[in-house]
Amino acid sequence: MSDIFREVDEDLRRDRMERVFKRYGGIMLAAALAVVAATGGTVAWRNWQQSQKESETTALAAALAQAGQGPDKGVEALAAFAGKADPGMAALAQLNAAALLAREGKTAEAVAVYDKLSGNAGAAAVYRELAALLSVMHQLDSGDPAQLQARLQPLTADANPWRFSAREMSAVLAARAGDKDKARTLFQQLADDSQAPAGVRSRAADLATLYGKS
């Protein structure tokens, strides 16, 4: 009898975990990416401050301040700035504009901005790749899994700064496509990777266990 109760308890726990992940998985990923992006963005911002003219830095700060008067004004000001700034400063403006659009629920518009930046050969690779990653993140629930996986594949390389988030999204997409074995394998690899952020490893371990019992 104890074995039966144990199996029932595991089934209930798995069902609860699956419901929580389906409901909040995107939020958890977004939060994790926000931390990574904020860290990378801070470093990049300092580098650009050192290398760019003071007038451009001031102009970008002014454009960012427009968001305080409303998201639409912020997006408009950032787009105007990006249209005349050098590629690096323009990339920062576009990332912020897309974030404002996404925050307002204008996902399709945000994705369009991210996609434009990711395809801009004049921007630094770190910004193009971050834009591609964020574009995929906003399409995890609605985009074609195969197409999104193809976009993520280059970002999963060992030397890529966004690899852990890209690998986590790849696992989520595998699960969404119904390939639970692949999802479990990818989550387990993340859980076992000592270089992965603690939050990513913890989520991956739970989900590897979940899909291992499915």
N, C-alpha and C. Protein backbone atom coordinates (compact mmCIF):
# COMPACT_ATOMS: atom_id res chain seq x y z
N MET A 1 0.83 -1.21 0.00
CA MET A 1 0.00 0.00 0.00
C MET A 1 0.87 1.26 0.00
N SER A 2 1.99 1.24 0.73
CA SER A 2 2.85 2.42 0.80
C SER A 2 3.37 2.78 -0.59
N ASP A 3 3.64 1.77 -1.43
CA ASP A 3 4.11 2.05 -2.79
C ASP A 3 3.04 2.76 -3.60
N ILE A 4 1.80 2.37 -3.42
CA ILE A 4 0.69 3.00 -4.15
C ILE A 4 0.58 4.47 -3.75
N PHE A 5 0.61 4.72 -2.42
CA PHE A 5 0.51 6.10 -1.95
C PHE A 5 1.68 6.94 -2.44
N ARG A 6 2.87 6.33 -2.49
CA ARG A 6 4.05 7.06 -2.97
C ARG A 6 3.88 7.45 -4.44
N GLU A 7 3.36 6.53 -5.25
CA GLU A 7 3.16 6.82 -6.66
C GLU A 7 2.11 7.92 -6.86
N VAL A 8 1.06 7.85 -6.07
CA VAL A 8 0.02 8.88 -6.15
C VAL A 8 0.60 10.24 -5.78
N ASP A 9 1.40 10.27 -4.71
CA ASP A 9 2.01 11.52 -4.27
C ASP A 9 2.93 12.09 -5.35
N GLU A 10 3.72 11.23 -6.00
CA GLU A 10 4.62 11.69 -7.06
C GLU A 10 3.83 12.22 -8.25
N ASP A 11 2.73 11.55 -8.59
CA ASP A 11 1.91 12.01 -9.71
C ASP A 11 1.32 13.38 -9.42
N LEU A 12 0.83 13.56 -8.19
CA LEU A 12 0.26 14.85 -7.82
C LEU A 12 1.31 15.94 -7.84
N ARG A 13 2.51 15.63 -7.34
CA ARG A 13 3.60 16.61 -7.32
C ARG A 13 4.01 16.98 -8.75
N ARG A 14 4.06 15.98 -9.63
CA ARG A 14 4.43 16.24 -11.01
C ARG A 14 3.38 17.12 -11.69
N ASP A 15 2.09 16.82 -11.44
CA ASP A 15 1.03 17.62 -12.04
C ASP A 15 1.10 19.06 -11.57
N ARG A 16 1.35 19.25 -10.26
CA ARG A 16 1.44 20.61 -9.73
C ARG A 16 2.60 21.37 -10.37
N MET A 17 3.75 20.70 -10.47
CA MET A 17 4.93 21.35 -11.04
C MET A 17 4.70 21.72 -12.49
N GLU A 18 4.05 20.82 -13.23
CA GLU A 18 3.80 21.09 -14.64
C GLU A 18 2.86 22.27 -14.81
N ARG A 19 1.82 22.35 -13.94
CA ARG A 19 0.90 23.49 -14.03
C ARG A 19 1.60 24.79 -13.70
N VAL A 20 2.45 24.77 -12.66
CA VAL A 20 3.18 25.98 -12.27
C VAL A 20 4.10 26.43 -13.39
N PHE A 21 4.82 25.46 -14.00
CA PHE A 21 5.76 25.85 -15.05
C PHE A 21 5.02 26.39 -16.27
N LYS A 22 3.90 25.76 -16.62
CA LYS A 22 3.15 26.25 -17.78
C LYS A 22 2.64 27.67 -17.54
N ARG A 23 2.29 27.95 -16.28
CA ARG A 23 1.72 29.26 -15.98
C ARG A 23 2.79 30.32 -15.77
N TYR A 24 3.89 29.93 -15.10
CA TYR A 24 4.90 30.91 -14.72
C TYR A 24 6.26 30.71 -15.38
N GLY A 25 6.38 29.68 -16.23
CA GLY A 25 7.68 29.39 -16.84
C GLY A 25 8.23 30.57 -17.61
N GLY A 26 7.37 31.23 -18.40
CA GLY A 26 7.83 32.38 -19.17
C GLY A 26 8.29 33.51 -18.28
N ILE A 27 7.59 33.71 -17.15
CA ILE A 27 7.98 34.76 -16.22
C ILE A 27 9.33 34.44 -15.59
N MET A 28 9.55 33.16 -15.23
CA MET A 28 10.83 32.78 -14.64
C MET A 28 11.97 33.00 -15.61
N LEU A 29 11.75 32.63 -16.87
CA LEU A 29 12.78 32.83 -17.89
C LEU A 29 13.05 34.32 -18.08
N ALA A 30 11.97 35.10 -18.13
CA ALA A 30 12.13 36.53 -18.34
C ALA A 30 12.91 37.16 -17.19
N ALA A 31 12.62 36.71 -15.96
CA ALA A 31 13.33 37.24 -14.80
C ALA A 31 14.81 36.88 -14.86
N ALA A 32 15.08 35.63 -15.24
CA ALA A 32 16.48 35.21 -15.33
C ALA A 32 17.21 35.99 -16.40
N LEU A 33 16.55 36.19 -17.55
CA LEU A 33 17.18 36.94 -18.63
C LEU A 33 17.37 38.40 -18.25
N ALA A 34 16.41 38.95 -17.48
CA ALA A 34 16.53 40.34 -17.08
C ALA A 34 17.80 40.55 -16.26
N VAL A 35 18.11 39.60 -15.38
CA VAL A 35 19.32 39.71 -14.56
C VAL A 35 20.56 39.65 -15.44
N VAL A 36 20.57 38.67 -16.37
CA VAL A 36 21.72 38.53 -17.26
C VAL A 36 21.87 39.75 -18.15
N ALA A 37 20.75 40.18 -18.73
CA ALA A 37 20.79 41.32 -19.64
C ALA A 37 21.20 42.60 -18.92
N ALA A 38 20.70 42.75 -17.68
CA ALA A 38 21.05 43.94 -16.90
C ALA A 38 22.54 43.97 -16.62
N THR A 39 23.11 42.82 -16.27
CA THR A 39 24.55 42.75 -15.99
C THR A 39 25.36 43.07 -17.25
N GLY A 40 24.99 42.38 -18.35
CA GLY A 40 25.70 42.63 -19.60
C GLY A 40 25.50 44.05 -20.09
N GLY A 41 24.27 44.56 -19.92
CA GLY A 41 23.98 45.91 -20.36
C GLY A 41 24.74 46.96 -19.57
N THR A 42 24.92 46.71 -18.27
CA THR A 42 25.66 47.65 -17.44
C THR A 42 27.11 47.75 -17.89
N VAL A 43 27.71 46.59 -18.14
CA VAL A 43 29.10 46.57 -18.60
C VAL A 43 29.22 47.26 -19.95
N ALA A 44 28.30 46.91 -20.86
CA ALA A 44 28.33 47.49 -22.20
C ALA A 44 28.13 49.01 -22.13
N TRP A 45 27.20 49.40 -21.26
CA TRP A 45 26.91 50.84 -21.10
C TRP A 45 28.16 51.59 -20.66
N ARG A 46 28.90 51.05 -19.71
CA ARG A 46 30.12 51.69 -19.25
C ARG A 46 31.16 51.80 -20.35
N ASN A 47 31.26 50.70 -21.14
CA ASN A 47 32.21 50.72 -22.24
C ASN A 47 31.86 51.79 -23.27
N TRP A 48 30.56 51.87 -23.59
CA TRP A 48 30.14 52.87 -24.56
C TRP A 48 30.31 54.28 -24.01
N GLN A 49 30.08 54.47 -22.74
CA GLN A 49 30.26 55.79 -22.14
C GLN A 49 31.70 56.26 -22.30
N GLN A 50 32.62 55.31 -22.21
CA GLN A 50 34.03 55.66 -22.31
C GLN A 50 34.44 55.97 -23.74
N SER A 51 33.79 55.33 -24.69
CA SER A 51 34.23 55.43 -26.08
C SER A 51 33.41 56.40 -26.94
N GLN A 52 32.22 56.73 -26.53
CA GLN A 52 31.36 57.58 -27.35
C GLN A 52 31.42 59.04 -26.91
N LYS A 53 31.03 59.89 -27.83
CA LYS A 53 31.03 61.31 -27.53
C LYS A 53 30.03 61.62 -26.43
N GLU A 54 30.37 62.61 -25.64
CA GLU A 54 29.50 62.98 -24.52
C GLU A 54 28.12 63.40 -25.00
N SER A 55 28.05 64.02 -26.15
CA SER A 55 26.76 64.49 -26.65
C SER A 55 25.82 63.33 -26.95
N GLU A 56 26.35 62.21 -27.50
CA GLU A 56 25.51 61.06 -27.81
C GLU A 56 25.02 60.39 -26.53
N THR A 57 25.89 60.30 -25.54
CA THR A 57 25.49 59.71 -24.27
C THR A 57 24.38 60.53 -23.62
N THR A 58 24.53 61.81 -23.68
CA THR A 58 23.51 62.71 -23.12
C THR A 58 22.20 62.57 -23.88
N ALA A 59 22.30 62.45 -25.20
CA ALA A 59 21.09 62.33 -26.02
C ALA A 59 20.35 61.03 -25.74
N LEU A 60 21.08 59.94 -25.54
CA LEU A 60 20.44 58.66 -25.22
C LEU A 60 19.77 58.73 -23.85
N ALA A 61 20.44 59.34 -22.90
CA ALA A 61 19.86 59.49 -21.56
C ALA A 61 18.56 60.30 -21.64
N ALA A 62 18.56 61.31 -22.48
CA ALA A 62 17.36 62.14 -22.64
C ALA A 62 16.23 61.33 -23.28
N ALA A 63 16.58 60.50 -24.25
CA ALA A 63 15.57 59.65 -24.89
C ALA A 63 14.99 58.66 -23.89
N LEU A 64 15.85 58.08 -23.07
CA LEU A 64 15.38 57.15 -22.04
C LEU A 64 14.45 57.85 -21.05
N ALA A 65 14.76 59.09 -20.75
CA ALA A 65 13.95 59.84 -19.78
C ALA A 65 12.53 60.08 -20.30
N GLN A 66 12.37 60.07 -21.63
CA GLN A 66 11.05 60.30 -22.20
C GLN A 66 10.06 59.19 -21.80
N ALA A 67 10.59 58.02 -21.46
CA ALA A 67 9.72 56.92 -21.04
C ALA A 67 8.95 57.28 -19.78
N GLY A 68 9.49 58.20 -18.99
CA GLY A 68 8.79 58.63 -17.79
C GLY A 68 7.51 59.39 -18.09
N GLN A 69 7.38 59.90 -19.31
CA GLN A 69 6.18 60.61 -19.72
C GLN A 69 5.18 59.69 -20.42
N GLY A 70 5.55 58.40 -20.50
CA GLY A 70 4.66 57.43 -21.14
C GLY A 70 5.44 56.54 -22.09
N PRO A 71 5.09 55.27 -22.16
CA PRO A 71 5.81 54.31 -23.01
C PRO A 71 5.88 54.74 -24.47
N ASP A 72 4.78 55.28 -25.01
CA ASP A 72 4.76 55.68 -26.42
C ASP A 72 5.78 56.78 -26.69
N LYS A 73 5.86 57.73 -25.79
CA LYS A 73 6.84 58.82 -25.95
C LYS A 73 8.26 58.27 -25.86
N GLY A 74 8.46 57.32 -24.94
CA GLY A 74 9.77 56.72 -24.79
C GLY A 74 10.20 55.97 -26.04
N VAL A 75 9.29 55.16 -26.58
CA VAL A 75 9.59 54.39 -27.80
C VAL A 75 9.89 55.33 -28.95
N GLU A 76 9.08 56.39 -29.09
CA GLU A 76 9.28 57.35 -30.17
C GLU A 76 10.63 58.04 -30.06
N ALA A 77 10.99 58.46 -28.85
CA ALA A 77 12.26 59.15 -28.64
C ALA A 77 13.44 58.22 -28.89
N LEU A 78 13.32 56.99 -28.43
CA LEU A 78 14.41 56.03 -28.62
C LEU A 78 14.59 55.66 -30.09
N ALA A 79 13.46 55.53 -30.81
CA ALA A 79 13.54 55.22 -32.23
C ALA A 79 14.19 56.37 -32.99
N ALA A 80 13.84 57.59 -32.63
CA ALA A 80 14.43 58.76 -33.28
C ALA A 80 15.93 58.83 -33.01
N PHE A 81 16.31 58.54 -31.78
CA PHE A 81 17.74 58.55 -31.45
C PHE A 81 18.48 57.47 -32.22
N ALA A 82 17.90 56.26 -32.27
CA ALA A 82 18.55 55.13 -32.94
C ALA A 82 18.77 55.42 -34.42
N GLY A 83 17.88 56.22 -35.00
CA GLY A 83 17.98 56.51 -36.43
C GLY A 83 19.17 57.37 -36.80
N LYS A 84 19.76 58.04 -35.82
CA LYS A 84 20.89 58.92 -36.15
C LYS A 84 22.15 58.62 -35.33
N ALA A 85 22.06 57.65 -34.43
CA ALA A 85 23.22 57.32 -33.59
C ALA A 85 24.11 56.29 -34.26
N ASP A 86 25.32 56.10 -33.71
CA ASP A 86 26.18 55.06 -34.25
C ASP A 86 25.62 53.69 -33.86
N PRO A 87 26.06 52.60 -34.52
CA PRO A 87 25.45 51.28 -34.32
C PRO A 87 25.38 50.82 -32.86
N GLY A 88 26.42 51.09 -32.08
CA GLY A 88 26.42 50.64 -30.69
C GLY A 88 25.37 51.34 -29.84
N MET A 89 25.34 52.67 -29.94
CA MET A 89 24.37 53.43 -29.17
C MET A 89 22.95 53.16 -29.69
N ALA A 90 22.83 52.98 -30.99
CA ALA A 90 21.51 52.67 -31.58
C ALA A 90 20.99 51.34 -31.06
N ALA A 91 21.89 50.36 -30.91
CA ALA A 91 21.49 49.04 -30.41
C ALA A 91 20.93 49.15 -28.99
N LEU A 92 21.59 49.94 -28.15
CA LEU A 92 21.10 50.13 -26.78
C LEU A 92 19.71 50.77 -26.79
N ALA A 93 19.53 51.74 -27.68
CA ALA A 93 18.23 52.41 -27.77
C ALA A 93 17.15 51.43 -28.23
N GLN A 94 17.48 50.59 -29.22
CA GLN A 94 16.50 49.63 -29.74
C GLN A 94 16.12 48.58 -28.69
N LEU A 95 17.09 48.12 -27.93
CA LEU A 95 16.80 47.15 -26.88
C LEU A 95 15.84 47.74 -25.85
N ASN A 96 16.07 48.99 -25.49
CA ASN A 96 15.20 49.65 -24.52
C ASN A 96 13.82 49.91 -25.10
N ALA A 97 13.76 50.28 -26.39
CA ALA A 97 12.47 50.53 -27.02
C ALA A 97 11.65 49.24 -27.08
N ALA A 98 12.30 48.14 -27.46
CA ALA A 98 11.59 46.86 -27.53
C ALA A 98 11.10 46.43 -26.15
N ALA A 99 11.91 46.68 -25.12
CA ALA A 99 11.50 46.33 -23.76
C ALA A 99 10.26 47.12 -23.35
N LEU A 100 10.20 48.39 -23.72
CA LEU A 100 9.02 49.20 -23.41
C LEU A 100 7.79 48.66 -24.12
N LEU A 101 7.94 48.28 -25.38
CA LEU A 101 6.82 47.73 -26.15
C LEU A 101 6.33 46.43 -25.53
N ALA A 102 7.25 45.57 -25.15
CA ALA A 102 6.89 44.29 -24.55
C ALA A 102 6.16 44.51 -23.23
N ARG A 103 6.62 45.48 -22.46
CA ARG A 103 6.00 45.77 -21.17
C ARG A 103 4.56 46.24 -21.34
N GLU A 104 4.28 46.88 -22.48
CA GLU A 104 2.93 47.36 -22.76
C GLU A 104 2.05 46.30 -23.42
N GLY A 105 2.60 45.08 -23.57
CA GLY A 105 1.83 44.02 -24.18
C GLY A 105 1.86 44.03 -25.70
N LYS A 106 2.69 44.88 -26.28
CA LYS A 106 2.81 44.97 -27.74
C LYS A 106 3.91 44.01 -28.20
N THR A 107 3.63 42.73 -28.02
CA THR A 107 4.65 41.71 -28.26
C THR A 107 5.12 41.68 -29.71
N ALA A 108 4.19 41.72 -30.64
CA ALA A 108 4.57 41.65 -32.04
C ALA A 108 5.47 42.81 -32.44
N GLU A 109 5.18 44.00 -31.94
CA GLU A 109 6.00 45.17 -32.24
C GLU A 109 7.38 45.03 -31.60
N ALA A 110 7.41 44.50 -30.38
CA ALA A 110 8.69 44.30 -29.71
C ALA A 110 9.54 43.30 -30.48
N VAL A 111 8.92 42.21 -30.90
CA VAL A 111 9.65 41.18 -31.67
C VAL A 111 10.20 41.77 -32.96
N ALA A 112 9.44 42.64 -33.60
CA ALA A 112 9.90 43.27 -34.84
C ALA A 112 11.15 44.10 -34.60
N VAL A 113 11.20 44.81 -33.48
CA VAL A 113 12.38 45.61 -33.15
C VAL A 113 13.57 44.70 -32.85
N TYR A 114 13.33 43.66 -32.06
CA TYR A 114 14.41 42.71 -31.75
C TYR A 114 14.95 42.07 -33.02
N ASP A 115 14.05 41.68 -33.92
CA ASP A 115 14.47 41.01 -35.16
C ASP A 115 15.27 41.96 -36.04
N LYS A 116 14.87 43.21 -36.09
CA LYS A 116 15.60 44.20 -36.89
C LYS A 116 17.02 44.36 -36.35
N LEU A 117 17.14 44.43 -35.04
CA LEU A 117 18.46 44.57 -34.43
C LEU A 117 19.30 43.32 -34.64
N SER A 118 18.69 42.16 -34.48
CA SER A 118 19.45 40.91 -34.62
C SER A 118 19.99 40.73 -36.04
N GLY A 119 19.34 41.36 -37.01
CA GLY A 119 19.79 41.26 -38.40
C GLY A 119 20.68 42.40 -38.84
N ASN A 120 21.02 43.28 -37.93
CA ASN A 120 21.85 44.46 -38.26
C ASN A 120 23.33 44.11 -38.12
N ALA A 121 23.99 43.89 -39.25
CA ALA A 121 25.39 43.49 -39.24
C ALA A 121 26.31 44.58 -38.66
N GLY A 122 25.81 45.82 -38.61
CA GLY A 122 26.62 46.90 -38.08
C GLY A 122 26.69 46.94 -36.57
N ALA A 123 25.78 46.24 -35.91
CA ALA A 123 25.76 46.22 -34.44
C ALA A 123 26.71 45.14 -33.92
N ALA A 124 27.18 45.32 -32.70
CA ALA A 124 28.08 44.34 -32.08
C ALA A 124 27.35 43.01 -31.92
N ALA A 125 28.11 41.93 -32.03
CA ALA A 125 27.52 40.58 -31.97
C ALA A 125 26.75 40.35 -30.67
N VAL A 126 27.27 40.87 -29.55
CA VAL A 126 26.61 40.63 -28.26
C VAL A 126 25.20 41.22 -28.25
N TYR A 127 25.00 42.36 -28.93
CA TYR A 127 23.68 42.98 -28.99
C TYR A 127 22.78 42.24 -29.97
N ARG A 128 23.33 41.84 -31.13
CA ARG A 128 22.53 41.10 -32.11
C ARG A 128 22.04 39.78 -31.51
N GLU A 129 22.92 39.10 -30.79
CA GLU A 129 22.55 37.82 -30.21
C GLU A 129 21.56 37.98 -29.07
N LEU A 130 21.73 39.02 -28.27
CA LEU A 130 20.76 39.27 -27.20
C LEU A 130 19.39 39.58 -27.79
N ALA A 131 19.37 40.34 -28.87
CA ALA A 131 18.10 40.67 -29.53
C ALA A 131 17.42 39.40 -30.05
N ALA A 132 18.22 38.51 -30.65
CA ALA A 132 17.65 37.25 -31.15
C ALA A 132 17.09 36.42 -30.00
N LEU A 133 17.82 36.38 -28.90
CA LEU A 133 17.38 35.61 -27.73
C LEU A 133 16.06 36.15 -27.18
N LEU A 134 15.98 37.48 -27.06
CA LEU A 134 14.77 38.09 -26.52
C LEU A 134 13.59 37.94 -27.48
N SER A 135 13.87 37.96 -28.78
CA SER A 135 12.82 37.73 -29.76
C SER A 135 12.22 36.34 -29.57
N VAL A 136 13.09 35.34 -29.44
CA VAL A 136 12.61 33.97 -29.23
C VAL A 136 11.84 33.87 -27.92
N MET A 137 12.35 34.50 -26.88
CA MET A 137 11.71 34.43 -25.57
C MET A 137 10.26 34.90 -25.63
N HIS A 138 10.01 35.96 -26.41
CA HIS A 138 8.66 36.51 -26.51
C HIS A 138 7.77 35.70 -27.45
N GLN A 139 8.33 34.66 -28.08
CA GLN A 139 7.54 33.81 -28.97
C GLN A 139 7.49 32.36 -28.50
N LEU A 140 7.97 32.10 -27.30
CA LEU A 140 8.02 30.72 -26.80
C LEU A 140 6.66 30.03 -26.83
N ASP A 141 5.62 30.77 -26.54
CA ASP A 141 4.28 30.16 -26.45
C ASP A 141 3.54 30.16 -27.78
N SER A 142 4.01 30.96 -28.74
CA SER A 142 3.22 31.14 -29.96
C SER A 142 3.95 30.82 -31.25
N GLY A 143 5.27 30.92 -31.25
CA GLY A 143 6.03 30.72 -32.48
C GLY A 143 6.20 29.26 -32.85
N ASP A 144 6.67 29.03 -34.07
CA ASP A 144 6.92 27.66 -34.53
C ASP A 144 8.16 27.11 -33.82
N PRO A 145 8.03 26.01 -33.06
CA PRO A 145 9.15 25.49 -32.28
C PRO A 145 10.39 25.20 -33.11
N ALA A 146 10.22 24.64 -34.30
CA ALA A 146 11.37 24.30 -35.14
C ALA A 146 12.12 25.55 -35.58
N GLN A 147 11.38 26.57 -35.98
CA GLN A 147 12.02 27.81 -36.41
C GLN A 147 12.73 28.50 -35.25
N LEU A 148 12.10 28.49 -34.10
CA LEU A 148 12.70 29.12 -32.93
C LEU A 148 13.95 28.35 -32.49
N GLN A 149 13.90 27.03 -32.57
CA GLN A 149 15.07 26.21 -32.23
C GLN A 149 16.23 26.55 -33.16
N ALA A 150 15.94 26.74 -34.44
CA ALA A 150 16.99 27.07 -35.40
C ALA A 150 17.66 28.40 -35.06
N ARG A 151 16.86 29.35 -34.56
CA ARG A 151 17.42 30.65 -34.19
C ARG A 151 18.27 30.55 -32.92
N LEU A 152 17.87 29.66 -32.04
CA LEU A 152 18.60 29.51 -30.79
C LEU A 152 19.91 28.74 -30.95
N GLN A 153 19.96 27.85 -31.94
CA GLN A 153 21.09 26.93 -32.05
C GLN A 153 22.46 27.62 -31.99
N PRO A 154 22.70 28.71 -32.74
CA PRO A 154 24.02 29.35 -32.65
C PRO A 154 24.31 29.94 -31.28
N LEU A 155 23.26 30.27 -30.54
CA LEU A 155 23.44 30.90 -29.23
C LEU A 155 23.76 29.88 -28.14
N THR A 156 23.64 28.59 -28.45
CA THR A 156 23.91 27.56 -27.45
C THR A 156 25.38 27.13 -27.43
N ALA A 157 26.19 27.70 -28.31
CA ALA A 157 27.61 27.33 -28.38
C ALA A 157 28.32 27.64 -27.06
N ASP A 158 29.34 26.87 -26.76
CA ASP A 158 30.03 26.98 -25.47
C ASP A 158 30.59 28.37 -25.20
N ALA A 159 31.01 29.09 -26.25
CA ALA A 159 31.63 30.39 -26.06
C ALA A 159 30.62 31.54 -26.04
N ASN A 160 29.35 31.24 -26.28
CA ASN A 160 28.37 32.30 -26.37
C ASN A 160 27.95 32.78 -24.98
N PRO A 161 27.93 34.10 -24.74
CA PRO A 161 27.57 34.60 -23.41
C PRO A 161 26.12 34.34 -23.01
N TRP A 162 25.26 34.05 -24.00
CA TRP A 162 23.84 33.82 -23.72
C TRP A 162 23.48 32.34 -23.74
N ARG A 163 24.49 31.46 -23.71
CA ARG A 163 24.25 30.03 -23.95
C ARG A 163 23.32 29.37 -22.94
N PHE A 164 23.39 29.74 -21.68
CA PHE A 164 22.57 29.06 -20.68
C PHE A 164 21.09 29.37 -20.87
N SER A 165 20.78 30.63 -21.14
CA SER A 165 19.39 31.00 -21.40
C SER A 165 18.91 30.36 -22.70
N ALA A 166 19.78 30.33 -23.71
CA ALA A 166 19.42 29.72 -25.00
C ALA A 166 19.15 28.22 -24.83
N ARG A 167 19.97 27.55 -24.04
CA ARG A 167 19.78 26.11 -23.82
C ARG A 167 18.51 25.84 -23.03
N GLU A 168 18.20 26.71 -22.08
CA GLU A 168 16.97 26.53 -21.31
C GLU A 168 15.75 26.70 -22.21
N MET A 169 15.80 27.70 -23.08
CA MET A 169 14.68 27.90 -24.01
C MET A 169 14.56 26.74 -24.99
N SER A 170 15.70 26.20 -25.40
CA SER A 170 15.68 25.05 -26.31
C SER A 170 14.97 23.87 -25.67
N ALA A 171 15.22 23.67 -24.40
CA ALA A 171 14.56 22.58 -23.68
C ALA A 171 13.06 22.83 -23.57
N VAL A 172 12.69 24.08 -23.30
CA VAL A 172 11.27 24.43 -23.21
C VAL A 172 10.58 24.18 -24.56
N LEU A 173 11.23 24.55 -25.64
CA LEU A 173 10.66 24.35 -26.96
C LEU A 173 10.54 22.88 -27.30
N ALA A 174 11.51 22.08 -26.88
CA ALA A 174 11.44 20.64 -27.11
C ALA A 174 10.23 20.05 -26.39
N ALA A 175 10.01 20.50 -25.16
CA ALA A 175 8.85 20.02 -24.40
C ALA A 175 7.56 20.45 -25.07
N ARG A 176 7.54 21.70 -25.54
CA ARG A 176 6.33 22.20 -26.21
C ARG A 176 6.04 21.43 -27.49
N ALA A 177 7.09 20.97 -28.17
CA ALA A 177 6.92 20.21 -29.40
C ALA A 177 6.56 18.75 -29.13
N GLY A 178 6.53 18.37 -27.85
CA GLY A 178 6.16 17.01 -27.48
C GLY A 178 7.32 16.04 -27.37
N ASP A 179 8.56 16.55 -27.54
CA ASP A 179 9.75 15.69 -27.43
C ASP A 179 10.26 15.74 -25.99
N LYS A 180 9.60 14.99 -25.11
CA LYS A 180 9.93 15.05 -23.69
C LYS A 180 11.29 14.43 -23.38
N ASP A 181 11.71 13.46 -24.19
CA ASP A 181 13.03 12.86 -23.97
C ASP A 181 14.13 13.89 -24.21
N LYS A 182 13.98 14.64 -25.30
CA LYS A 182 14.97 15.68 -25.60
C LYS A 182 14.94 16.76 -24.53
N ALA A 183 13.74 17.13 -24.10
CA ALA A 183 13.61 18.16 -23.07
C ALA A 183 14.31 17.71 -21.79
N ARG A 184 14.06 16.45 -21.40
CA ARG A 184 14.69 15.94 -20.18
C ARG A 184 16.22 15.95 -20.31
N THR A 185 16.73 15.53 -21.47
CA THR A 185 18.18 15.49 -21.68
C THR A 185 18.79 16.89 -21.58
N LEU A 186 18.14 17.85 -22.24
CA LEU A 186 18.67 19.22 -22.21
C LEU A 186 18.60 19.83 -20.81
N PHE A 187 17.50 19.59 -20.11
CA PHE A 187 17.39 20.10 -18.75
C PHE A 187 18.44 19.45 -17.84
N GLN A 188 18.66 18.15 -18.01
CA GLN A 188 19.64 17.46 -17.18
C GLN A 188 21.05 17.98 -17.44
N GLN A 189 21.36 18.26 -18.70
CA GLN A 189 22.68 18.81 -19.02
C GLN A 189 22.88 20.16 -18.36
N LEU A 190 21.84 20.97 -18.35
CA LEU A 190 21.92 22.26 -17.67
C LEU A 190 22.08 22.09 -16.16
N ALA A 191 21.32 21.17 -15.61
CA ALA A 191 21.38 20.92 -14.16
C ALA A 191 22.77 20.46 -13.74
N ASP A 192 23.47 19.75 -14.62
CA ASP A 192 24.79 19.20 -14.29
C ASP A 192 25.93 20.15 -14.64
N ASP A 193 25.62 21.28 -15.26
CA ASP A 193 26.65 22.23 -15.69
C ASP A 193 27.01 23.17 -14.54
N SER A 194 28.18 23.01 -14.00
CA SER A 194 28.60 23.81 -12.84
C SER A 194 28.77 25.29 -13.18
N GLN A 195 28.89 25.61 -14.47
CA GLN A 195 29.06 27.01 -14.85
C GLN A 195 27.73 27.73 -15.04
N ALA A 196 26.65 27.00 -15.09
CA ALA A 196 25.34 27.62 -15.28
C ALA A 196 24.92 28.37 -14.01
N PRO A 197 24.17 29.45 -14.15
CA PRO A 197 23.68 30.18 -12.97
C PRO A 197 22.86 29.26 -12.08
N ALA A 198 22.89 29.53 -10.78
CA ALA A 198 22.21 28.67 -9.81
C ALA A 198 20.72 28.53 -10.10
N GLY A 199 20.07 29.63 -10.48
CA GLY A 199 18.64 29.58 -10.75
C GLY A 199 18.33 28.70 -11.95
N VAL A 200 19.15 28.78 -12.98
CA VAL A 200 18.96 27.94 -14.16
C VAL A 200 19.13 26.47 -13.79
N ARG A 201 20.17 26.17 -13.03
CA ARG A 201 20.44 24.78 -12.64
C ARG A 201 19.30 24.21 -11.80
N SER A 202 18.78 25.02 -10.88
CA SER A 202 17.70 24.55 -10.01
C SER A 202 16.44 24.24 -10.81
N ARG A 203 16.05 25.16 -11.69
CA ARG A 203 14.87 24.92 -12.53
C ARG A 203 15.08 23.70 -13.42
N ALA A 204 16.28 23.62 -14.00
CA ALA A 204 16.57 22.52 -14.92
C ALA A 204 16.50 21.18 -14.21
N ALA A 205 17.00 21.12 -12.99
CA ALA A 205 16.98 19.85 -12.23
C ALA A 205 15.53 19.42 -11.96
N ASP A 206 14.69 20.37 -11.56
CA ASP A 206 13.29 20.05 -11.30
C ASP A 206 12.59 19.56 -12.57
N LEU A 207 12.86 20.24 -13.67
CA LEU A 207 12.18 19.89 -14.91
C LEU A 207 12.74 18.61 -15.52
N ALA A 208 14.01 18.34 -15.33
CA ALA A 208 14.58 17.07 -15.80
C ALA A 208 13.91 15.91 -15.07
N THR A 209 13.68 16.10 -13.77
CA THR A 209 12.98 15.07 -12.99
C THR A 209 11.54 14.93 -13.45
N LEU A 210 10.91 16.06 -13.70
CA LEU A 210 9.52 16.04 -14.16
C LEU A 210 9.37 15.24 -15.45
N TYR A 211 10.18 15.58 -16.43
CA TYR A 211 10.04 14.90 -17.73
C TYR A 211 10.63 13.50 -17.73
N GLY A 212 11.47 13.21 -16.74
CA GLY A 212 11.97 11.86 -16.61
C GLY A 212 10.91 10.89 -16.12
N LYS A 213 9.88 11.43 -15.45
CA LYS A 213 8.80 10.60 -14.92
C LYS A 213 7.57 10.60 -15.81
N SER A 214 7.62 11.42 -16.87
CA SER A 214 6.43 11.55 -17.73
C SER A 214 6.23 10.30 -18.56
